[in-house]
C-alpha atoms as a PDB file:
ATOM      1  CA  MET A   1     -43.937 -25.753  14.168  1.00  0.00           C
ATOM      2  CA  TYR A   2     -46.996 -23.873  12.766  1.00  0.00           C
ATOM      3  CA  GLU A   3     -46.901 -23.457   9.047  1.00  0.00           C
ATOM      4  CA  ALA A   4     -48.789 -20.363   7.729  1.00  0.00           C
ATOM      5  CA  ALA A   5     -51.416 -21.129   5.189  1.00  0.00           C
ATOM      6  CA  ARG A   6     -50.440 -20.511   1.661  1.00  0.00           C
ATOM      7  CA  ILE A   7     -52.985 -18.341  -0.270  1.00  0.00           C
ATOM      8  CA  LEU A   8     -53.066 -17.445  -3.992  1.00  0.00           C
ATOM      9  CA  THR A   9     -55.316 -14.474  -4.867  1.00  0.00           C
ATOM     10  CA  VAL A  10     -56.324 -14.606  -8.495  1.00  0.00           C
ATOM     11  CA  GLY A  11     -57.737 -11.195  -9.750  1.00  0.00           C
ATOM     12  CA  THR A  12     -56.006  -8.795  -7.249  1.00  0.00           C
ATOM     13  CA  GLY A  13     -57.931  -5.638  -7.912  1.00  0.00           C
ATOM     14  CA  ALA A  14     -60.086  -3.848  -5.296  1.00  0.00           C
ATOM     15  CA  ILE A  15     -61.681  -6.520  -3.438  1.00  0.00           C
ATOM     16  CA  GLY A  16     -58.825  -8.862  -4.005  1.00  0.00           C
ATOM     17  CA  SER A  17     -56.287  -6.633  -2.563  1.00  0.00           C
ATOM     18  CA  ILE A  18     -58.392  -5.860   0.554  1.00  0.00           C
ATOM     19  CA  TYR A  19     -58.872  -9.407   1.541  1.00  0.00           C
ATOM     20  CA  SER A  20     -55.333 -10.502   0.541  1.00  0.00           C
ATOM     21  CA  TRP A  21     -54.101  -7.664   2.861  1.00  0.00           C
ATOM     22  CA  ARG A  22     -56.400  -8.977   5.729  1.00  0.00           C
ATOM     23  CA  LEU A  23     -55.319 -12.644   5.225  1.00  0.00           C
ATOM     24  CA  ALA A  24     -51.720 -11.681   5.037  1.00  0.00           C
ATOM     25  CA  GLN A  25     -51.823 -10.854   8.716  1.00  0.00           C
ATOM     26  CA  SER A  26     -51.558 -14.629   9.427  1.00  0.00           C
ATOM     27  CA  CYS A  27     -50.891 -16.183   5.794  1.00  0.00           C
ATOM     28  CA  GLU A  28     -48.354 -16.297   3.201  1.00  0.00           C
ATOM     29  CA  VAL A  29     -50.025 -14.448   0.284  1.00  0.00           C
ATOM     30  CA  THR A  30     -49.232 -14.499  -3.361  1.00  0.00           C
ATOM     31  CA  THR A  31     -51.082 -12.217  -5.685  1.00  0.00           C
ATOM     32  CA  VAL A  32     -51.692 -12.393  -9.413  1.00  0.00           C
ATOM     33  CA  CYS A  33     -51.628  -8.869 -10.729  1.00  0.00           C
ATOM     34  CA  ARG A  34     -52.137  -7.725 -14.283  1.00  0.00           C
ATOM     35  CA  SER A  35     -52.579  -4.034 -15.205  1.00  0.00           C
ATOM     36  CA  ASN A  36     -51.467  -3.042 -11.687  1.00  0.00           C
ATOM     37  CA  TYR A  37     -48.451  -5.446 -11.775  1.00  0.00           C
ATOM     38  CA  GLN A  38     -45.594  -2.956 -12.030  1.00  0.00           C
ATOM     39  CA  ALA A  39     -47.091  -0.603  -9.535  1.00  0.00           C
ATOM     40  CA  VAL A  40     -47.690  -3.314  -6.793  1.00  0.00           C
ATOM     41  CA  LEU A  41     -44.351  -5.021  -7.487  1.00  0.00           C
ATOM     42  CA  LYS A  42     -42.576  -1.613  -6.939  1.00  0.00           C
ATOM     43  CA  LYS A  43     -44.478  -0.165  -3.940  1.00  0.00           C
ATOM     44  CA  GLY A  44     -47.215  -2.559  -2.938  1.00  0.00           C
ATOM     45  CA  PHE A  45     -50.969  -1.630  -2.514  1.00  0.00           C
ATOM     46  CA  GLU A  46     -51.542   1.845  -1.202  1.00  0.00           C
ATOM     47  CA  ILE A  47     -54.639   1.303   0.893  1.00  0.00           C
ATOM     48  CA  ASP A  48     -56.983   4.025   2.469  1.00  0.00           C
ATOM     49  CA  SER A  49     -59.635   2.130   4.486  1.00  0.00           C
ATOM     50  CA  MET A  50     -62.206   3.828   6.785  1.00  0.00           C
ATOM     51  CA  LYS A  51     -62.405   0.495   8.786  1.00  0.00           C
ATOM     52  CA  TRP A  52     -58.662  -0.487   8.860  1.00  0.00           C
ATOM     53  CA  GLY A  53     -56.950   2.885   8.300  1.00  0.00           C
ATOM     54  CA  GLN A  54     -54.171   3.730   5.860  1.00  0.00           C
ATOM     55  CA  GLY A  55     -51.448   1.356   5.050  1.00  0.00           C
ATOM     56  CA  VAL A  56     -49.215  -0.167   2.441  1.00  0.00           C
ATOM     57  CA  PHE A  57     -49.709  -3.784   1.703  1.00  0.00           C
ATOM     58  CA  LYS A  58     -46.825  -5.702   0.185  1.00  0.00           C
ATOM     59  CA  PRO A  59     -47.795  -9.248  -0.724  1.00  0.00           C
ATOM     60  CA  HIS A  60     -45.294 -11.930   0.038  1.00  0.00           C
ATOM     61  CA  HIS A  61     -45.078 -12.619  -3.697  1.00  0.00           C
ATOM     62  CA  VAL A  62     -46.380 -10.570  -6.781  1.00  0.00           C
ATOM     63  CA  VAL A  63     -46.737 -12.475 -10.048  1.00  0.00           C
ATOM     64  CA  GLN A  64     -48.225 -11.859 -13.483  1.00  0.00           C
ATOM     65  CA  SER A  65     -49.824 -15.206 -14.077  1.00  0.00           C
ATOM     66  CA  VAL A  66     -51.034 -18.373 -12.253  1.00  0.00           C
ATOM     67  CA  GLN A  67     -48.522 -20.335 -14.037  1.00  0.00           C
ATOM     68  CA  GLU A  68     -45.758 -18.181 -12.559  1.00  0.00           C
ATOM     69  CA  ALA A  69     -47.336 -18.392  -9.150  1.00  0.00           C
ATOM     70  CA  LYS A  70     -46.756 -22.128  -9.049  1.00  0.00           C
ATOM     71  CA  THR A  71     -43.196 -21.420  -7.861  1.00  0.00           C
ATOM     72  CA  TYR A  72     -44.640 -20.379  -4.455  1.00  0.00           C
ATOM     73  CA  GLY A  73     -47.008 -23.296  -4.007  1.00  0.00           C
ATOM     74  CA  PRO A  74     -48.530 -25.677  -3.395  1.00  0.00           C
ATOM     75  CA  PHE A  75     -51.371 -23.527  -2.161  1.00  0.00           C
ATOM     76  CA  ASP A  76     -53.808 -24.325   0.623  1.00  0.00           C
ATOM     77  CA  TYR A  77     -56.351 -21.843  -0.780  1.00  0.00           C
ATOM     78  CA  VAL A  78     -56.846 -20.232  -4.206  1.00  0.00           C
ATOM     79  CA  LEU A  79     -58.978 -17.117  -3.693  1.00  0.00           C
ATOM     80  CA  VAL A  80     -60.790 -16.012  -6.785  1.00  0.00           C
ATOM     81  CA  THR A  81     -61.705 -12.506  -6.934  1.00  0.00           C
ATOM     82  CA  LEU A  82     -61.948 -12.053 -10.681  1.00  0.00           C
ATOM     83  CA  LYS A  83     -65.078 -10.594 -12.225  1.00  0.00           C
ATOM     84  CA  ALA A  84     -67.399 -13.456 -13.133  1.00  0.00           C
ATOM     85  CA  LEU A  85     -67.420 -13.261 -16.934  1.00  0.00           C
ATOM     86  CA  PRO A  86     -68.123 -16.795 -18.448  1.00  0.00           C
ATOM     87  CA  ASP A  87     -68.678 -15.242 -21.912  1.00  0.00           C
ATOM     88  CA  VAL A  88     -65.162 -13.775 -21.742  1.00  0.00           C
ATOM     89  CA  TYR A  89     -63.021 -16.282 -19.975  1.00  0.00           C
ATOM     90  CA  ASP A  90     -63.283 -19.642 -18.100  1.00  0.00           C
ATOM     91  CA  VAL A  91     -62.230 -19.127 -14.521  1.00  0.00           C
ATOM     92  CA  ALA A  92     -61.429 -22.935 -14.162  1.00  0.00           C
ATOM     93  CA  ASP A  93     -59.003 -22.681 -16.905  1.00  0.00           C
ATOM     94  CA  ILE A  94     -57.283 -19.782 -15.390  1.00  0.00           C
ATOM     95  CA  ILE A  95     -56.771 -21.253 -12.054  1.00  0.00           C
ATOM     96  CA  ALA A  96     -56.089 -24.787 -12.967  1.00  0.00           C
ATOM     97  CA  PRO A  97     -52.207 -24.521 -12.831  1.00  0.00           C
ATOM     98  CA  ALA A  98     -52.481 -23.698  -9.070  1.00  0.00           C
ATOM     99  CA  ILE A  99     -54.927 -26.474  -8.066  1.00  0.00           C
ATOM    100  CA  THR A 100     -53.530 -29.569  -6.387  1.00  0.00           C
ATOM    101  CA  GLU A 101     -56.049 -32.344  -6.630  1.00  0.00           C
ATOM    102  CA  GLY A 102     -57.581 -33.221  -3.392  1.00  0.00           C
ATOM    103  CA  LYS A 103     -55.704 -30.559  -1.507  1.00  0.00           C
ATOM    104  CA  THR A 104     -56.338 -27.002  -2.651  1.00  0.00           C
ATOM    105  CA  THR A 105     -59.469 -25.320  -1.492  1.00  0.00           C
ATOM    106  CA  ILE A 106     -61.088 -23.204  -4.074  1.00  0.00           C
ATOM    107  CA  VAL A 107     -62.601 -19.872  -2.526  1.00  0.00           C
ATOM    108  CA  LEU A 108     -64.983 -17.749  -4.753  1.00  0.00           C
ATOM    109  CA  ILE A 109     -65.556 -14.110  -3.927  1.00  0.00           C
ATOM    110  CA  GLN A 110     -67.507 -13.103  -6.919  1.00  0.00           C
ATOM    111  CA  ASN A 111     -70.808 -11.525  -7.751  1.00  0.00           C
ATOM    112  CA  GLY A 112     -73.887 -13.359  -9.253  1.00  0.00           C
ATOM    113  CA  PHE A 113     -75.515 -16.733  -9.198  1.00  0.00           C
ATOM    114  CA  GLY A 114     -74.609 -20.043 -10.677  1.00  0.00           C
ATOM    115  CA  ILE A 115     -70.801 -19.405 -10.400  1.00  0.00           C
ATOM    116  CA  GLU A 116     -70.095 -22.602  -8.522  1.00  0.00           C
ATOM    117  CA  PRO A 117     -71.089 -25.550 -10.893  1.00  0.00           C
ATOM    118  CA  PRO A 118     -68.330 -24.918 -13.485  1.00  0.00           C
ATOM    119  CA  ILE A 119     -65.724 -25.158 -10.748  1.00  0.00           C
ATOM    120  CA  VAL A 120     -67.127 -28.199  -9.217  1.00  0.00           C
ATOM    121  CA  LYS A 121     -67.395 -29.929 -12.568  1.00  0.00           C
ATOM    122  CA  ARG A 122     -63.622 -29.227 -13.378  1.00  0.00           C
ATOM    123  CA  PHE A 123     -62.255 -29.942  -9.757  1.00  0.00           C
ATOM    124  CA  PRO A 124     -64.650 -32.565  -8.311  1.00  0.00           C
ATOM    125  CA  LEU A 125     -62.131 -33.648  -5.716  1.00  0.00           C
ATOM    126  CA  ASN A 126     -61.336 -30.194  -4.229  1.00  0.00           C
ATOM    127  CA  PRO A 127     -63.257 -28.422  -1.394  1.00  0.00           C
ATOM    128  CA  LEU A 128     -65.072 -25.411  -2.493  1.00  0.00           C
ATOM    129  CA  ILE A 129     -65.962 -22.179  -0.434  1.00  0.00           C
ATOM    130  CA  SER A 130     -68.413 -19.705  -1.729  1.00  0.00           C
ATOM    131  CA  ILE A 131     -68.545 -16.055  -0.424  1.00  0.00           C
ATOM    132  CA  VAL A 132     -70.878 -13.211  -0.889  1.00  0.00           C
ATOM    133  CA  ALA A 133     -69.197  -9.841  -0.285  1.00  0.00           C
ATOM    134  CA  TYR A 134     -70.909  -6.567   0.930  1.00  0.00           C
ATOM    135  CA  ILE A 135     -68.136  -4.002   0.650  1.00  0.00           C
ATOM    136  CA  GLY A 136     -67.584  -0.589  -0.915  1.00  0.00           C
ATOM    137  CA  VAL A 137     -64.124  -0.445  -2.431  1.00  0.00           C
ATOM    138  CA  SER A 138     -62.523   0.627  -5.563  1.00  0.00           C
ATOM    139  CA  GLN A 139     -59.094   0.757  -7.271  1.00  0.00           C
ATOM    140  CA  VAL A 140     -58.678   4.503  -8.069  1.00  0.00           C
ATOM    141  CA  GLY A 141     -55.186   4.092  -9.644  1.00  0.00           C
ATOM    142  CA  HIS A 142     -52.815   1.275 -10.211  1.00  0.00           C
ATOM    143  CA  GLY A 143     -52.438  -0.292  -6.738  1.00  0.00           C
ATOM    144  CA  VAL A 144     -54.318   2.548  -5.107  1.00  0.00           C
ATOM    145  CA  ILE A 145     -57.337   1.364  -3.080  1.00  0.00           C
ATOM    146  CA  LYS A 146     -60.031   3.256  -1.365  1.00  0.00           C
ATOM    147  CA  MET A 147     -62.498   1.583   0.867  1.00  0.00           C
ATOM    148  CA  ASN A 148     -65.390   2.796   3.008  1.00  0.00           C
ATOM    149  CA  ALA A 149     -66.289   1.597   6.516  1.00  0.00           C
ATOM    150  CA  ILE A 150     -68.713  -1.111   5.788  1.00  0.00           C
ATOM    151  CA  GLU A 151     -67.572  -4.674   4.870  1.00  0.00           C
ATOM    152  CA  ARG A 152     -69.183  -8.026   5.544  1.00  0.00           C
ATOM    153  CA  LEU A 153     -68.510 -11.468   4.110  1.00  0.00           C
ATOM    154  CA  GLN A 154     -71.247 -14.116   4.107  1.00  0.00           C
ATOM    155  CA  VAL A 155     -69.331 -17.384   3.995  1.00  0.00           C
ATOM    156  CA  GLY A 156     -70.468 -20.846   3.310  1.00  0.00           C
ATOM    157  CA  THR A 157     -69.904 -24.124   1.516  1.00  0.00           C
ATOM    158  CA  TYR A 158     -71.607 -25.063  -1.793  1.00  0.00           C
ATOM    159  CA  HIS A 159     -74.100 -27.950  -1.381  1.00  0.00           C
ATOM    160  CA  GLY A 160     -73.444 -29.103  -4.908  1.00  0.00           C
ATOM    161  CA  CYS A 161     -69.895 -30.081  -4.020  1.00  0.00           C
ATOM    162  CA  ALA A 162     -69.476 -33.629  -3.169  1.00  0.00           C
ATOM    163  CA  VAL A 163     -66.188 -33.172  -1.388  1.00  0.00           C
ATOM    164  CA  GLU A 164     -66.352 -32.430   2.450  1.00  0.00           C
ATOM    165  CA  SER A 165     -65.581 -28.739   2.613  1.00  0.00           C
ATOM    166  CA  GLU A 166     -66.736 -27.731   6.160  1.00  0.00           C
ATOM    167  CA  THR A 167     -63.209 -28.198   7.770  1.00  0.00           C
ATOM    168  CA  SER A 168     -61.578 -26.174   5.286  1.00  0.00           C
ATOM    169  CA  CYS A 169     -64.266 -23.439   5.459  1.00  0.00           C
ATOM    170  CA  GLU A 170     -63.915 -23.282   9.342  1.00  0.00           C
ATOM    171  CA  ARG A 171     -60.263 -22.756   8.953  1.00  0.00           C
ATOM    172  CA  PHE A 172     -60.556 -20.090   6.379  1.00  0.00           C
ATOM    173  CA  LYS A 173     -63.195 -18.235   8.338  1.00  0.00           C
ATOM    174  CA  SER A 174     -60.609 -18.237  11.268  1.00  0.00           C
ATOM    175  CA  LEU A 175     -58.028 -16.761   8.942  1.00  0.00           C
ATOM    176  CA  LEU A 176     -60.353 -14.040   7.806  1.00  0.00           C
ATOM    177  CA  GLU A 177     -61.236 -13.225  11.519  1.00  0.00           C
ATOM    178  CA  LYS A 178     -57.641 -12.959  12.491  1.00  0.00           C
ATOM    179  CA  GLY A 179     -57.533 -10.038   9.966  1.00  0.00           C
ATOM    180  CA  ASP A 180     -60.462  -8.425  11.550  1.00  0.00           C
ATOM    181  CA  VAL A 181     -62.863  -9.262   8.692  1.00  0.00           C
ATOM    182  CA  MET A 182     -66.532  -9.418   9.457  1.00  0.00           C
ATOM    183  CA  VAL A 183     -67.616 -13.012   8.849  1.00  0.00           C
ATOM    184  CA  GLU A 184     -71.201 -14.101   8.698  1.00  0.00           C
ATOM    185  CA  PRO A 185     -71.512 -17.937   8.395  1.00  0.00           C
ATOM    186  CA  VAL A 186     -74.480 -18.957   6.223  1.00  0.00           C
ATOM    187  CA  GLU A 187     -76.028 -22.373   5.784  1.00  0.00           C
ATOM    188  CA  ASP A 188     -77.294 -21.862   2.223  1.00  0.00           C
ATOM    189  CA  ILE A 189     -74.977 -19.702   0.094  1.00  0.00           C
ATOM    190  CA  GLU A 190     -77.202 -19.964  -2.850  1.00  0.00           C
ATOM    191  CA  GLN A 191     -80.026 -18.188  -0.922  1.00  0.00           C
ATOM    192  CA  SER A 192     -77.447 -15.401  -0.038  1.00  0.00           C
ATOM    193  CA  ARG A 193     -76.484 -15.142  -3.632  1.00  0.00           C
ATOM    194  CA  TRP A 194     -80.247 -14.749  -4.659  1.00  0.00           C
ATOM    195  CA  GLU A 195     -80.830 -11.989  -2.038  1.00  0.00           C
ATOM    196  CA  LYS A 196     -77.865 -10.013  -3.240  1.00  0.00           C
ATOM    197  CA  LEU A 197     -79.163 -10.118  -6.780  1.00  0.00           C
ATOM    198  CA  PHE A 198     -82.233  -8.177  -5.607  1.00  0.00           C
ATOM    199  CA  TRP A 199     -80.014  -5.152  -5.461  1.00  0.00           C
ATOM    200  CA  ASN A 200     -77.329  -5.901  -7.980  1.00  0.00           C
ATOM    201  CA  GLY A 201     -79.779  -7.015 -10.615  1.00  0.00           C
ATOM    202  CA  SER A 202     -81.883  -3.794 -10.333  1.00  0.00           C
ATOM    203  CA  PHE A 203     -79.933  -0.775  -9.368  1.00  0.00           C
ATOM    204  CA  GLY A 204     -76.844  -2.235 -11.230  1.00  0.00           C
ATOM    205  CA  PRO A 205     -78.187  -2.207 -14.750  1.00  0.00           C
ATOM    206  CA  VAL A 206     -80.490   0.754 -14.364  1.00  0.00           C
ATOM    207  CA  CYS A 207     -77.637   2.961 -13.150  1.00  0.00           C
ATOM    208  CA  ALA A 208     -75.407   1.562 -15.959  1.00  0.00           C
ATOM    209  CA  ILE A 209     -77.941   2.151 -18.738  1.00  0.00           C
ATOM    210  CA  LEU A 210     -79.057   5.539 -17.573  1.00  0.00           C
ATOM    211  CA  GLY A 211     -75.648   6.917 -16.429  1.00  0.00           C
ATOM    212  CA  LEU A 212     -77.249   7.942 -13.098  1.00  0.00           C
ATOM    213  CA  ASN A 213     -75.913   7.145  -9.601  1.00  0.00           C
ATOM    214  CA  THR A 214     -78.071   5.563  -7.013  1.00  0.00           C
ATOM    215  CA  SER A 215     -79.470   8.907  -5.617  1.00  0.00           C
ATOM    216  CA  GLN A 216     -80.288  10.172  -9.001  1.00  0.00           C
ATOM    217  CA  VAL A 217     -82.128   6.989  -9.765  1.00  0.00           C
ATOM    218  CA  ILE A 218     -84.187   7.157  -6.607  1.00  0.00           C
ATOM    219  CA  GLU A 219     -84.974  10.831  -7.173  1.00  0.00           C
ATOM    220  CA  ASN A 220     -86.141   9.917 -10.842  1.00  0.00           C
ATOM    221  CA  GLU A 221     -89.816   8.718 -10.818  1.00  0.00           C
ATOM    222  CA  ALA A 222     -89.381   6.747 -14.169  1.00  0.00           C
ATOM    223  CA  ALA A 223     -86.042   5.276 -13.241  1.00  0.00           C
ATOM    224  CA  ILE A 224     -86.976   4.018  -9.736  1.00  0.00           C
ATOM    225  CA  ASP A 225     -90.075   2.501 -11.217  1.00  0.00           C
ATOM    226  CA  ILE A 226     -87.869   0.348 -13.444  1.00  0.00           C
ATOM    227  CA  VAL A 227     -85.770  -0.553 -10.388  1.00  0.00           C
ATOM    228  CA  LYS A 228     -88.900  -1.655  -8.471  1.00  0.00           C
ATOM    229  CA  ARG A 229     -90.170  -3.752 -11.427  1.00  0.00           C
ATOM    230  CA  LEU A 230     -86.814  -5.575 -11.633  1.00  0.00           C
ATOM    231  CA  MET A 231     -86.727  -6.203  -7.915  1.00  0.00           C
ATOM    232  CA  ARG A 232     -90.164  -7.563  -7.990  1.00  0.00           C
ATOM    233  CA  GLU A 233     -89.354  -9.917 -11.021  1.00  0.00           C
ATOM    234  CA  ILE A 234     -86.055 -11.090  -9.450  1.00  0.00           C
ATOM    235  CA  MET A 235     -87.817 -11.838  -6.139  1.00  0.00           C
ATOM    236  CA  GLU A 236     -90.551 -13.705  -7.733  1.00  0.00           C
ATOM    237  CA  ALA A 237     -87.940 -15.803  -9.600  1.00  0.00           C
ATOM    238  CA  ALA A 238     -86.102 -16.356  -6.395  1.00  0.00           C
ATOM    239  CA  SER A 239     -89.188 -17.410  -4.612  1.00  0.00           C
ATOM    240  CA  ALA A 240     -90.125 -19.835  -7.300  1.00  0.00           C
ATOM    241  CA  ALA A 241     -86.751 -21.394  -7.180  1.00  0.00           C
ATOM    242  CA  THR A 242     -86.267 -21.508  -3.356  1.00  0.00           C
ATOM    243  CA  GLY A 243     -89.882 -21.721  -2.013  1.00  0.00           C
ATOM    244  CA  ILE A 244     -89.149 -18.699   0.242  1.00  0.00           C
ATOM    245  CA  ASP A 245     -91.635 -15.934   0.784  1.00  0.00           C
ATOM    246  CA  TYR A 246     -89.611 -12.770   0.617  1.00  0.00           C
ATOM    247  CA  GLY A 247     -92.462 -10.268   1.639  1.00  0.00           C
ATOM    248  CA  ILE A 248     -91.919  -8.495  -1.732  1.00  0.00           C
ATOM    249  CA  ASP A 249     -93.537  -5.210  -1.236  1.00  0.00           C
ATOM    250  CA  ASP A 250     -91.916  -4.545   2.187  1.00  0.00           C
ATOM    251  CA  ARG A 251     -88.530  -5.857   0.907  1.00  0.00           C
ATOM    252  CA  ILE A 252     -88.571  -3.516  -2.084  1.00  0.00           C
ATOM    253  CA  GLU A 253     -89.243  -0.458   0.112  1.00  0.00           C
ATOM    254  CA  ALA A 254     -86.595  -1.525   2.637  1.00  0.00           C
ATOM    255  CA  LEU A 255     -84.020  -1.875  -0.128  1.00  0.00           C
ATOM    256  CA  ILE A 256     -84.664   1.477  -1.609  1.00  0.00           C
ATOM    257  CA  SER A 257     -84.615   3.176   1.860  1.00  0.00           C
ATOM    258  CA  THR A 258     -81.311   1.678   2.913  1.00  0.00           C
ATOM    259  CA  THR A 259     -79.831   2.522  -0.514  1.00  0.00           C
ATOM    260  CA  ALA A 260     -80.852   6.144  -0.124  1.00  0.00           C
ATOM    261  CA  ILE A 261     -79.151   6.206   3.343  1.00  0.00           C
ATOM    262  CA  GLY A 262     -76.211   3.894   3.150  1.00  0.00           C
ATOM    263  CA  ALA A 263     -75.343   4.024  -0.580  1.00  0.00           C
ATOM    264  CA  ALA A 264     -76.103   7.569  -1.549  1.00  0.00           C
ATOM    265  CA  ASN A 265     -74.512   8.796  -4.814  1.00  0.00           C
ATOM    266  CA  TYR A 266     -72.984   5.459  -5.497  1.00  0.00           C
ATOM    267  CA  LYS A 267     -72.049   4.016  -8.702  1.00  0.00           C
ATOM    268  CA  PRO A 268     -72.621   0.141  -8.819  1.00  0.00           C
ATOM    269  CA  SER A 269     -69.905  -1.991 -10.444  1.00  0.00           C
ATOM    270  CA  MET A 270     -71.996  -2.504 -13.619  1.00  0.00           C
ATOM    271  CA  GLN A 271     -71.988   1.232 -14.175  1.00  0.00           C
ATOM    272  CA  LEU A 272     -68.332   1.622 -13.505  1.00  0.00           C
ATOM    273  CA  ASP A 273     -67.650  -1.203 -15.902  1.00  0.00           C
ATOM    274  CA  LEU A 274     -69.717   0.262 -18.700  1.00  0.00           C
ATOM    275  CA  GLU A 275     -68.045   3.651 -18.148  1.00  0.00           C
ATOM    276  CA  ARG A 276     -64.693   2.120 -18.548  1.00  0.00           C
ATOM    277  CA  LYS A 277     -66.026   0.235 -21.595  1.00  0.00           C
ATOM    278  CA  GLN A 278     -65.128  -3.041 -19.738  1.00  0.00           C
ATOM    279  CA  PRO A 279     -67.405  -6.229 -19.744  1.00  0.00           C
ATOM    280  CA  MET A 280     -70.256  -6.109 -17.332  1.00  0.00           C
ATOM    281  CA  GLU A 281     -71.145  -9.284 -15.260  1.00  0.00           C
ATOM    282  CA  VAL A 282     -74.410  -9.546 -17.290  1.00  0.00           C
ATOM    283  CA  ASP A 283     -74.846 -13.338 -17.385  1.00  0.00           C
ATOM    284  CA  VAL A 284     -74.204 -14.146 -13.782  1.00  0.00           C
ATOM    285  CA  ILE A 285     -76.311 -11.222 -12.469  1.00  0.00           C
ATOM    286  CA  LEU A 286     -79.181 -11.091 -15.114  1.00  0.00           C
ATOM    287  CA  GLY A 287     -78.794 -14.209 -17.349  1.00  0.00           C
ATOM    288  CA  THR A 288     -78.930 -16.780 -14.580  1.00  0.00           C
ATOM    289  CA  VAL A 289     -82.003 -15.218 -13.063  1.00  0.00           C
ATOM    290  CA  LEU A 290     -83.686 -15.171 -16.443  1.00  0.00           C
ATOM    291  CA  ARG A 291     -82.917 -18.801 -17.087  1.00  0.00           C
ATOM    292  CA  SER A 292     -84.229 -19.857 -13.686  1.00  0.00           C
ATOM    293  CA  ALA A 293     -87.462 -17.766 -14.081  1.00  0.00           C
ATOM    294  CA  LYS A 294     -88.106 -19.520 -17.441  1.00  0.00           C
ATOM    295  CA  GLU A 295     -87.488 -22.894 -15.769  1.00  0.00           C
ATOM    296  CA  HIS A 296     -89.971 -22.061 -13.166  1.00  0.00           C
ATOM    297  CA  ASN A 297     -92.557 -20.379 -15.477  1.00  0.00           C
ATOM    298  CA  VAL A 298     -92.122 -17.009 -13.988  1.00  0.00           C
ATOM    299  CA  ALA A 299     -92.779 -13.868 -16.213  1.00  0.00           C
ATOM    300  CA  THR A 300     -89.923 -11.393 -16.244  1.00  0.00           C
ATOM    301  CA  PRO A 301     -90.714  -8.883 -19.128  1.00  0.00           C
ATOM    302  CA  THR A 302     -88.697  -5.989 -17.575  1.00  0.00           C
ATOM    303  CA  LEU A 303     -85.677  -8.195 -16.851  1.00  0.00           C
ATOM    304  CA  GLU A 304     -85.743  -9.746 -20.389  1.00  0.00           C
ATOM    305  CA  THR A 305     -85.564  -6.184 -21.846  1.00  0.00           C
ATOM    306  CA  ILE A 306     -82.738  -5.014 -19.507  1.00  0.00           C
ATOM    307  CA  HIS A 307     -80.823  -8.153 -19.970  1.00  0.00           C
ATOM    308  CA  GLY A 308     -81.048  -7.650 -23.693  1.00  0.00           C
ATOM    309  CA  LEU A 309     -79.870  -4.156 -23.541  1.00  0.00           C
ATOM    310  CA  CYS A 310     -76.938  -4.857 -21.213  1.00  0.00           C
ATOM    311  CA  ARG A 311     -75.850  -8.067 -23.254  1.00  0.00           C
ATOM    312  CA  SER A 312     -75.880  -5.845 -26.352  1.00  0.00           C
ATOM    313  CA  MET A 313     -73.672  -3.171 -24.796  1.00  0.00           C
ATOM    314  CA  ASN A 314     -71.301  -5.896 -23.523  1.00  0.00           C
ATOM    315  CA  LEU A 315     -71.091  -7.423 -27.087  1.00  0.00           C
ATOM    316  CA  HIS A 316     -70.283  -3.974 -28.506  1.00  0.00           C
ATOM    317  CA  ASN A 317     -67.505  -3.189 -26.024  1.00  0.00           C
ATOM    318  CA  ILE A 318     -66.024  -6.680 -26.312  1.00  0.00           C
ATOM    319  CA  LYS A 319     -65.874  -6.497 -29.981  1.00  0.00           C
ATOM    320  CA  ALA A 320     -64.279  -3.113 -29.854  1.00  0.00           C
ATOM    321  CA  GLN A 321     -61.403  -4.514 -27.764  1.00  0.00           C
ATOM    322  CA  LEU A 322     -60.608  -7.203 -30.354  1.00  0.00           C
END
């Protein structure tokens, strides 16, 4: 008899709830919820999606911690949709209670670059899947999710993982597709992560620092100049690290044009985090690029300044919460 895959989602906010919902079409899903725990336990996630319509998603199990989730394991997959904040918490420590050595596949749907090595170091015998998400979704209230029509997942294995992960990855892609998720297989997930940084590492911090949405930044001559300089420096760092010619001038103009059309009046996650006085993903979006640039002798003066400003604001907000 076919046994449904058991999945644990750690960090069930906006993105975590959407993909848990889609995976639950064919899997047994347990969700770790924190601030939204009572709301989700009582009535599930209320979802309004331009792609999949309106609905209520009630996970098979709702828990407050990974330790509590062990009751519903062992898990085939642990899906990590926590924000990538290595200066605030250690993802490996958080998920450790749910990982069965040699069995559980770890799936990362997180922003930024360089998120995989700490997981590989801590769990060297477990398969690893790394995913880059392109989706517009937000949690507008506890357990209340709003999503636009566009979503796409770039899914691949991490070349730095010594364990054979392709078999598990193929199965996970099929589980996503059963939930009508748009899956784009990629050979080099690190390249995909670099390319997402072109946008996240430019529009994200500029919108956050200035308190302007994407359209306001594009319409502001001084602001869009900073965005362009950041894009150029990040692309130059990526090119030095990967050996790829990104056609920088054309790529910059294309990114700005598509943002004006497809992400008008949009607030990036870094901006939303700063408005809520929550930690921004500064290290994985800006810090890792900066370190790679220095390693390859690429000058990044604009990035250094922006990184310093964002890191300073992060430190202030983190200390304010202590």
